[in-house]
């Protein structure tokens, strides 16, 4: 099966242009699209929430996925690498037209995929390092990070259940039994009662 994949950020934006490019490419290479998949939305949306995710669940050995460029698959390198990894594991080919990538079951494709993977890992490490440096700078400036000591979140897991918990306490139920009823840990109930409702 040969699949043509189109993704646009807004309805009909560039959809026909992408379809034309893919069709033209196939005609020049004596290929024919068996099925078109079109997504409308941001590439930052997880691919398993898009029609692309449905396609990736059914692709098999020998199938070809054609799109105009890698950025149509996703808007960050990590997501694109996940998609390519899934396709290559199933021996499904991924071809792009504008950037002329060919991901297939050969050594060149594996080297290219490795390069993408290495780039993704480097970017991940750089993001982690930038985060650490930003936090260190704020700390050096005397900015207190995190929640102020002794404070607690405005809303926690048991927020809104005060009256229910109070009724259970009034009936003589223990923290353990209350925790079982509310499907939380006993210490969660104990902490909530003491911090939000006053010790009982």
Protein backbone atom coordinates (compact mmCIF):
# COMPACT_ATOMS: atom_id res chain seq x y z
CA UNK A 1 0.00 0.00 0.00
CA UNK A 2 1.16 3.53 -0.80
CA UNK A 3 -0.20 6.22 1.52
CA UNK A 4 -0.20 9.95 0.85
CA UNK A 5 -0.10 11.95 4.07
CA UNK A 6 -1.22 15.58 4.26
CA UNK A 7 -1.29 17.79 7.35
CA UNK A 8 -2.43 21.41 7.46
CA UNK A 9 -2.58 23.73 10.45
CA UNK A 10 -5.89 25.28 9.41
CA UNK A 11 -8.73 23.96 7.29
CA UNK A 12 -7.72 23.67 3.60
CA UNK A 13 -4.49 25.64 4.20
CA UNK A 14 -1.99 24.26 1.66
CA UNK A 15 -3.86 20.94 1.53
CA UNK A 16 -4.31 21.05 -2.23
CA UNK A 17 -0.69 22.14 -2.72
CA UNK A 18 0.53 19.13 -0.75
CA UNK A 19 -1.81 16.80 -2.62
CA UNK A 20 -0.57 18.18 -5.95
CA UNK A 21 3.09 17.75 -4.98
CA UNK A 22 2.58 14.15 -3.87
CA UNK A 23 0.48 13.29 -6.95
CA UNK A 24 3.04 14.87 -9.27
CA UNK A 25 5.87 12.98 -7.54
CA UNK A 26 4.01 9.69 -7.91
CA UNK A 27 3.28 10.27 -11.60
CA UNK A 28 6.96 10.94 -12.30
CA UNK A 29 7.93 7.75 -10.47
CA UNK A 30 5.15 5.55 -11.90
CA UNK A 31 3.47 5.20 -8.50
CA UNK A 32 -0.15 5.45 -7.46
CA UNK A 33 -1.53 6.52 -4.09
CA UNK A 34 -3.79 3.80 -2.67
CA UNK A 35 -5.08 5.88 0.23
CA UNK A 36 -4.95 9.52 1.32
CA UNK A 37 -4.73 10.53 4.97
CA UNK A 38 -5.40 14.17 5.82
CA UNK A 39 -4.98 15.79 9.23
CA UNK A 40 -6.00 19.30 10.18
CA UNK A 41 -4.29 20.73 13.24
CA UNK A 42 -0.97 21.57 14.80
CA UNK A 43 1.97 19.21 14.39
CA UNK A 44 2.62 19.59 18.12
CA UNK A 45 -0.47 17.46 18.77
CA UNK A 46 0.56 13.87 19.60
CA UNK A 47 0.47 11.76 16.45
CA UNK A 48 -1.65 9.09 18.16
CA UNK A 49 -4.37 11.75 18.54
CA UNK A 50 -4.36 12.36 14.79
CA UNK A 51 -5.40 10.28 11.79
CA UNK A 52 -1.70 9.61 11.34
CA UNK A 53 -1.80 7.56 14.53
CA UNK A 54 -4.56 5.37 13.10
CA UNK A 55 -2.46 4.82 9.97
CA UNK A 56 0.64 3.89 11.97
CA UNK A 57 -1.37 1.19 13.73
CA UNK A 58 -2.07 -0.64 10.49
CA UNK A 59 1.00 -0.09 8.29
CA UNK A 60 2.96 -3.23 7.47
CA UNK A 61 6.05 -4.49 5.69
CA UNK A 62 6.49 -2.96 2.24
CA UNK A 63 4.05 -0.09 2.72
CA UNK A 64 5.18 3.39 1.69
CA UNK A 65 4.25 6.63 3.45
CA UNK A 66 4.78 9.72 1.29
CA UNK A 67 4.55 13.33 2.51
CA UNK A 68 5.89 16.62 1.22
CA UNK A 69 8.38 17.11 4.08
CA UNK A 70 9.27 15.70 7.50
CA UNK A 71 7.70 18.67 9.29
CA UNK A 72 4.29 17.39 8.13
CA UNK A 73 4.75 14.40 10.47
CA UNK A 74 5.50 16.49 13.55
CA UNK A 75 6.82 19.83 14.73
CA UNK A 76 9.68 18.57 16.87
CA UNK A 77 12.51 16.14 16.27
CA UNK A 78 11.53 13.82 19.13
CA UNK A 79 8.08 13.14 17.68
CA UNK A 80 9.44 12.68 14.16
CA UNK A 81 12.02 10.18 15.46
CA UNK A 82 9.28 8.18 17.21
CA UNK A 83 7.31 7.97 13.97
CA UNK A 84 10.32 7.01 11.87
CA UNK A 85 11.39 4.41 14.43
CA UNK A 86 7.92 2.84 14.38
CA UNK A 87 7.84 2.75 10.58
CA UNK A 88 11.33 1.31 10.20
CA UNK A 89 10.60 -1.38 12.79
CA UNK A 90 7.68 -2.48 10.61
CA UNK A 91 9.76 -2.24 7.42
CA UNK A 92 7.53 0.55 6.17
CA UNK A 93 9.22 3.13 3.95
CA UNK A 94 8.91 6.88 4.56
CA UNK A 95 9.61 9.21 1.64
CA UNK A 96 9.56 13.00 1.68
CA UNK A 97 9.53 15.15 -1.44
CA UNK A 98 10.89 18.60 -0.64
CA UNK A 99 13.73 17.51 1.63
CA UNK A 100 14.22 14.29 -0.38
CA UNK A 101 14.58 11.84 2.51
CA UNK A 102 14.23 8.11 1.93
CA UNK A 103 13.87 6.03 5.07
CA UNK A 104 13.98 2.39 4.07
CA UNK A 105 15.46 -0.89 5.26
CA UNK A 106 19.04 -0.15 4.21
CA UNK A 107 22.26 1.01 5.83
CA UNK A 108 21.96 4.58 4.51
CA UNK A 109 18.51 4.97 6.08
CA UNK A 110 19.75 3.54 9.36
CA UNK A 111 22.69 5.95 9.41
CA UNK A 112 20.34 8.84 8.65
CA UNK A 113 17.94 7.73 11.39
CA UNK A 114 20.88 7.44 13.80
CA UNK A 115 21.90 11.01 12.94
CA UNK A 116 18.37 12.22 13.64
CA UNK A 117 18.33 10.27 16.89
CA UNK A 118 21.67 11.73 17.95
CA UNK A 119 20.41 15.23 17.14
CA UNK A 120 17.30 14.60 19.23
CA UNK A 121 19.39 13.38 22.17
CA UNK A 122 21.69 16.42 21.93
CA UNK A 123 18.67 18.75 21.86
CA UNK A 124 17.17 16.95 24.87
CA UNK A 125 20.42 17.41 26.82
CA UNK A 126 20.64 21.08 25.80
CA UNK A 127 17.07 21.71 27.02
CA UNK A 128 17.89 19.99 30.31
CA UNK A 129 21.07 22.06 30.69
CA UNK A 130 19.30 25.33 29.85
CA UNK A 131 16.66 24.54 32.47
CA UNK A 132 19.31 23.86 35.12
CA UNK A 133 21.16 27.07 34.28
CA UNK A 134 17.95 29.14 34.39
CA UNK A 135 17.06 27.71 37.82
CA UNK A 136 20.61 28.29 39.09
CA UNK A 137 20.49 31.92 37.91
CA UNK A 138 17.18 32.53 39.67
CA UNK A 139 18.54 30.98 42.85
CA UNK A 140 21.67 33.17 42.63
CA UNK A 141 19.41 36.21 42.31
CA UNK A 142 17.75 35.26 45.58
CA UNK A 143 14.48 34.13 44.00
CA UNK A 144 12.84 31.39 46.06
CA UNK A 145 12.01 28.45 43.84
CA UNK A 146 9.01 26.23 44.32
CA UNK A 147 6.21 26.56 46.84
CA UNK A 148 7.00 28.72 49.88
CA UNK A 149 7.98 26.63 52.89
CA UNK A 150 5.03 25.80 55.12
CA UNK A 151 2.45 26.55 52.43
CA UNK A 152 0.26 24.08 50.65
CA UNK A 153 -1.40 23.94 47.26
CA UNK A 154 -4.67 25.79 46.80
CA UNK A 155 -6.26 22.64 45.46
CA UNK A 156 -5.35 19.06 46.30
CA UNK A 157 -6.76 15.62 45.53
CA UNK A 158 -9.44 15.79 48.24
CA UNK A 159 -10.49 19.39 47.67
CA UNK A 160 -14.29 19.73 47.60
CA UNK A 161 -14.82 16.60 49.68
CA UNK A 162 -14.61 18.29 53.08
CA UNK A 163 -18.27 17.73 53.98
CA UNK A 164 -18.10 14.09 52.93
CA UNK A 165 -14.97 13.51 55.00
CA UNK A 166 -16.49 15.33 57.96
CA UNK A 167 -19.56 13.08 57.82
CA UNK A 168 -17.37 10.00 57.77
CA UNK A 169 -15.37 11.30 60.74
CA UNK A 170 -18.56 12.08 62.65
CA UNK A 171 -19.75 8.51 62.08
CA UNK A 172 -16.57 7.23 63.69
CA UNK A 173 -14.78 6.04 60.56
CA UNK A 174 -11.00 5.81 60.78
CA UNK A 175 -8.58 7.48 58.36
CA UNK A 176 -7.85 4.04 56.90
CA UNK A 177 -11.53 3.39 56.10
CA UNK A 178 -12.00 6.90 54.72
CA UNK A 179 -8.93 6.42 52.52
CA UNK A 180 -10.36 3.18 51.19
CA UNK A 181 -13.68 4.84 50.39
CA UNK A 182 -12.01 7.76 48.58
CA UNK A 183 -9.34 5.58 46.96
CA UNK A 184 -6.38 7.52 48.34
CA UNK A 185 -3.61 6.76 50.80
CA UNK A 186 -4.27 7.01 54.53
CA UNK A 187 -1.64 9.74 54.95
CA UNK A 188 -3.38 11.80 52.27
CA UNK A 189 -6.56 11.81 54.35
CA UNK A 190 -4.66 12.52 57.57
CA UNK A 191 -2.71 15.43 56.07
CA UNK A 192 -5.81 16.89 54.44
CA UNK A 193 -7.81 16.77 57.68
CA UNK A 194 -5.06 18.39 59.74
CA UNK A 195 -4.10 21.04 57.20
CA UNK A 196 -7.51 21.93 55.77
CA UNK A 197 -10.09 20.95 58.36
CA UNK A 198 -8.24 21.17 61.63
CA UNK A 199 -7.13 18.16 63.71
CA UNK A 200 -9.88 15.78 64.75
